[in-house]
Amino acid sequence: MARRHIEKFTECFVGSYKVKAIIFSNAIELELSSTIKVHPVVNVSRVQRYKSQVEGQRKEMPQLVVIEKEEEWEVEKIMNKRKVQGRNKYLV
């Protein structure tokens, strides 16, 4: 069974990352943080040049907290919880 993404919970683009290397004319390697568990080589069609946001509309990313030598985010409040395919999903 294929997993379906809920559009309102997914962002089109996440963060600004440096290009580590150009692999081919259509593939680049990104410099990702250790918390992101995806392959660093992506197709150039998946990448856009970073544009800074208008002042006052900046979305503040929460600061990472180091717990037992792993970087994690500290949750202020859990707004909702539901079970999807036997796993708990949280809205924070």
C-alpha atoms as a PDB file:
ATOM      1  CA  MET A   1       0.000   0.000   0.000  1.00  0.00           C
ATOM      2  CA  ALA A   2       1.440   3.379  -0.991  1.00  0.00           C
ATOM      3  CA  ARG A   3       1.709   6.109   1.613  1.00  0.00           C
ATOM      4  CA  ARG A   4      -0.145   9.300   0.812  1.00  0.00           C
ATOM      5  CA  HIS A   5       1.231  12.667   1.829  1.00  0.00           C
ATOM      6  CA  ILE A   6      -1.075  15.209   3.417  1.00  0.00           C
ATOM      7  CA  GLU A   7      -0.341  18.406   1.520  1.00  0.00           C
ATOM      8  CA  LYS A   8      -1.059  20.854   4.339  1.00  0.00           C
ATOM      9  CA  PHE A   9       1.514  19.128   6.579  1.00  0.00           C
ATOM     10  CA  THR A  10       4.292  18.979   3.980  1.00  0.00           C
ATOM     11  CA  GLU A  11       6.383  21.914   2.878  1.00  0.00           C
ATOM     12  CA  CYS A  12       7.342  22.339  -0.756  1.00  0.00           C
ATOM     13  CA  PHE A  13      10.895  23.375   0.095  1.00  0.00           C
ATOM     14  CA  VAL A  14      12.725  23.006   3.381  1.00  0.00           C
ATOM     15  CA  GLY A  15      15.690  25.084   4.488  1.00  0.00           C
ATOM     16  CA  SER A  16      18.625  26.504   2.617  1.00  0.00           C
ATOM     17  CA  TYR A  17      21.521  24.133   2.035  1.00  0.00           C
ATOM     18  CA  LYS A  18      24.904  24.608   0.416  1.00  0.00           C
ATOM     19  CA  VAL A  19      25.836  22.740  -2.727  1.00  0.00           C
ATOM     20  CA  LYS A  20      28.705  20.448  -1.761  1.00  0.00           C
ATOM     21  CA  ALA A  21      29.532  19.153  -5.258  1.00  0.00           C
ATOM     22  CA  ILE A  22      28.174  19.000  -8.788  1.00  0.00           C
ATOM     23  CA  ILE A  23      27.970  15.291  -9.652  1.00  0.00           C
ATOM     24  CA  PHE A  24      26.587  15.485 -13.202  1.00  0.00           C
ATOM     25  CA  SER A  25      24.960  18.235 -15.231  1.00  0.00           C
ATOM     26  CA  ASN A  26      21.615  17.177 -13.711  1.00  0.00           C
ATOM     27  CA  ALA A  27      22.647  16.043 -10.194  1.00  0.00           C
ATOM     28  CA  ILE A  28      24.155  17.853  -7.215  1.00  0.00           C
ATOM     29  CA  GLU A  29      25.235  16.837  -3.733  1.00  0.00           C
ATOM     30  CA  LEU A  30      23.889  18.972  -0.874  1.00  0.00           C
ATOM     31  CA  GLU A  31      25.530  19.641   2.475  1.00  0.00           C
ATOM     32  CA  LEU A  32      22.820  18.356   4.864  1.00  0.00           C
ATOM     33  CA  SER A  33      22.718  18.281   8.660  1.00  0.00           C
ATOM     34  CA  SER A  34      23.029  14.957  10.463  1.00  0.00           C
ATOM     35  CA  THR A  35      19.344  15.043  11.478  1.00  0.00           C
ATOM     36  CA  ILE A  36      18.100  14.836   7.889  1.00  0.00           C
ATOM     37  CA  LYS A  37      17.840  11.183   6.897  1.00  0.00           C
ATOM     38  CA  VAL A  38      17.746  11.484   3.096  1.00  0.00           C
ATOM     39  CA  HIS A  39      20.305  10.846   0.379  1.00  0.00           C
ATOM     40  CA  PRO A  40      22.341  14.028  -0.225  1.00  0.00           C
ATOM     41  CA  VAL A  41      22.470  13.668  -4.035  1.00  0.00           C
ATOM     42  CA  VAL A  42      19.398  15.147  -5.732  1.00  0.00           C
ATOM     43  CA  ASN A  43      18.279  16.061  -9.228  1.00  0.00           C
ATOM     44  CA  VAL A  44      18.606  19.746 -10.070  1.00  0.00           C
ATOM     45  CA  SER A  45      14.882  19.895 -10.857  1.00  0.00           C
ATOM     46  CA  ARG A  46      14.254  19.433  -7.099  1.00  0.00           C
ATOM     47  CA  VAL A  47      16.361  22.455  -6.125  1.00  0.00           C
ATOM     48  CA  GLN A  48      15.619  26.175  -6.263  1.00  0.00           C
ATOM     49  CA  ARG A  49      17.818  29.155  -5.526  1.00  0.00           C
ATOM     50  CA  TYR A  50      17.189  30.414  -1.984  1.00  0.00           C
ATOM     51  CA  LYS A  51      15.221  33.664  -1.750  1.00  0.00           C
ATOM     52  CA  SER A  52      15.077  35.373   1.623  1.00  0.00           C
ATOM     53  CA  GLN A  53      11.621  36.074   2.986  1.00  0.00           C
ATOM     54  CA  VAL A  54      10.079  39.492   3.392  1.00  0.00           C
ATOM     55  CA  GLU A  55      10.886  41.065   6.766  1.00  0.00           C
ATOM     56  CA  GLY A  56       8.211  40.217   9.313  1.00  0.00           C
ATOM     57  CA  GLN A  57       7.222  37.008   7.523  1.00  0.00           C
ATOM     58  CA  ARG A  58      10.248  34.966   8.564  1.00  0.00           C
ATOM     59  CA  LYS A  59       9.390  31.531   9.834  1.00  0.00           C
ATOM     60  CA  GLU A  60      11.569  30.866  12.866  1.00  0.00           C
ATOM     61  CA  MET A  61      13.059  27.389  12.972  1.00  0.00           C
ATOM     62  CA  PRO A  62      13.253  25.992  16.505  1.00  0.00           C
ATOM     63  CA  GLN A  63      16.683  25.486  18.048  1.00  0.00           C
ATOM     64  CA  LEU A  64      18.056  21.956  18.232  1.00  0.00           C
ATOM     65  CA  VAL A  65      18.611  20.393  21.667  1.00  0.00           C
ATOM     66  CA  VAL A  66      21.331  17.768  22.187  1.00  0.00           C
ATOM     67  CA  ILE A  67      20.024  14.766  24.168  1.00  0.00           C
ATOM     68  CA  GLU A  68      22.258  11.726  24.628  1.00  0.00           C
ATOM     69  CA  LYS A  69      24.592  12.906  21.823  1.00  0.00           C
ATOM     70  CA  GLU A  70      21.715  13.256  19.306  1.00  0.00           C
ATOM     71  CA  GLU A  71      20.229  16.499  18.000  1.00  0.00           C
ATOM     72  CA  GLU A  72      16.485  16.779  18.609  1.00  0.00           C
ATOM     73  CA  TRP A  73      13.835  19.489  18.713  1.00  0.00           C
ATOM     74  CA  GLU A  74      12.146  20.462  21.949  1.00  0.00           C
ATOM     75  CA  VAL A  75       8.336  20.409  21.651  1.00  0.00           C
ATOM     76  CA  GLU A  76       6.407  23.198  23.355  1.00  0.00           C
ATOM     77  CA  LYS A  77       2.947  21.654  23.059  1.00  0.00           C
ATOM     78  CA  ILE A  78       1.271  18.642  21.432  1.00  0.00           C
ATOM     79  CA  MET A  79      -1.866  19.919  19.698  1.00  0.00           C
ATOM     80  CA  ASN A  80      -3.280  16.605  18.447  1.00  0.00           C
ATOM     81  CA  LYS A  81      -2.464  12.902  18.124  1.00  0.00           C
ATOM     82  CA  ARG A  82      -3.724  10.237  15.731  1.00  0.00           C
ATOM     83  CA  LYS A  83      -2.812   6.711  14.682  1.00  0.00           C
ATOM     84  CA  VAL A  84      -1.803   6.124  11.042  1.00  0.00           C
ATOM     85  CA  GLN A  85      -0.989   2.572   9.961  1.00  0.00           C
ATOM     86  CA  GLY A  86      -0.380   1.560  13.561  1.00  0.00           C
ATOM     87  CA  ARG A  87       2.026   4.435  14.316  1.00  0.00           C
ATOM     88  CA  ASN A  88       1.318   7.541  16.392  1.00  0.00           C
ATOM     89  CA  LYS A  89       1.501  10.867  14.528  1.00  0.00           C
ATOM     90  CA  TYR A  90       1.631  14.138  16.467  1.00  0.00           C
ATOM     91  CA  LEU A  91       0.684  17.706  15.545  1.00  0.00           C
ATOM     92  CA  VAL A  92       3.036  19.987  17.489  1.00  0.00           C
END
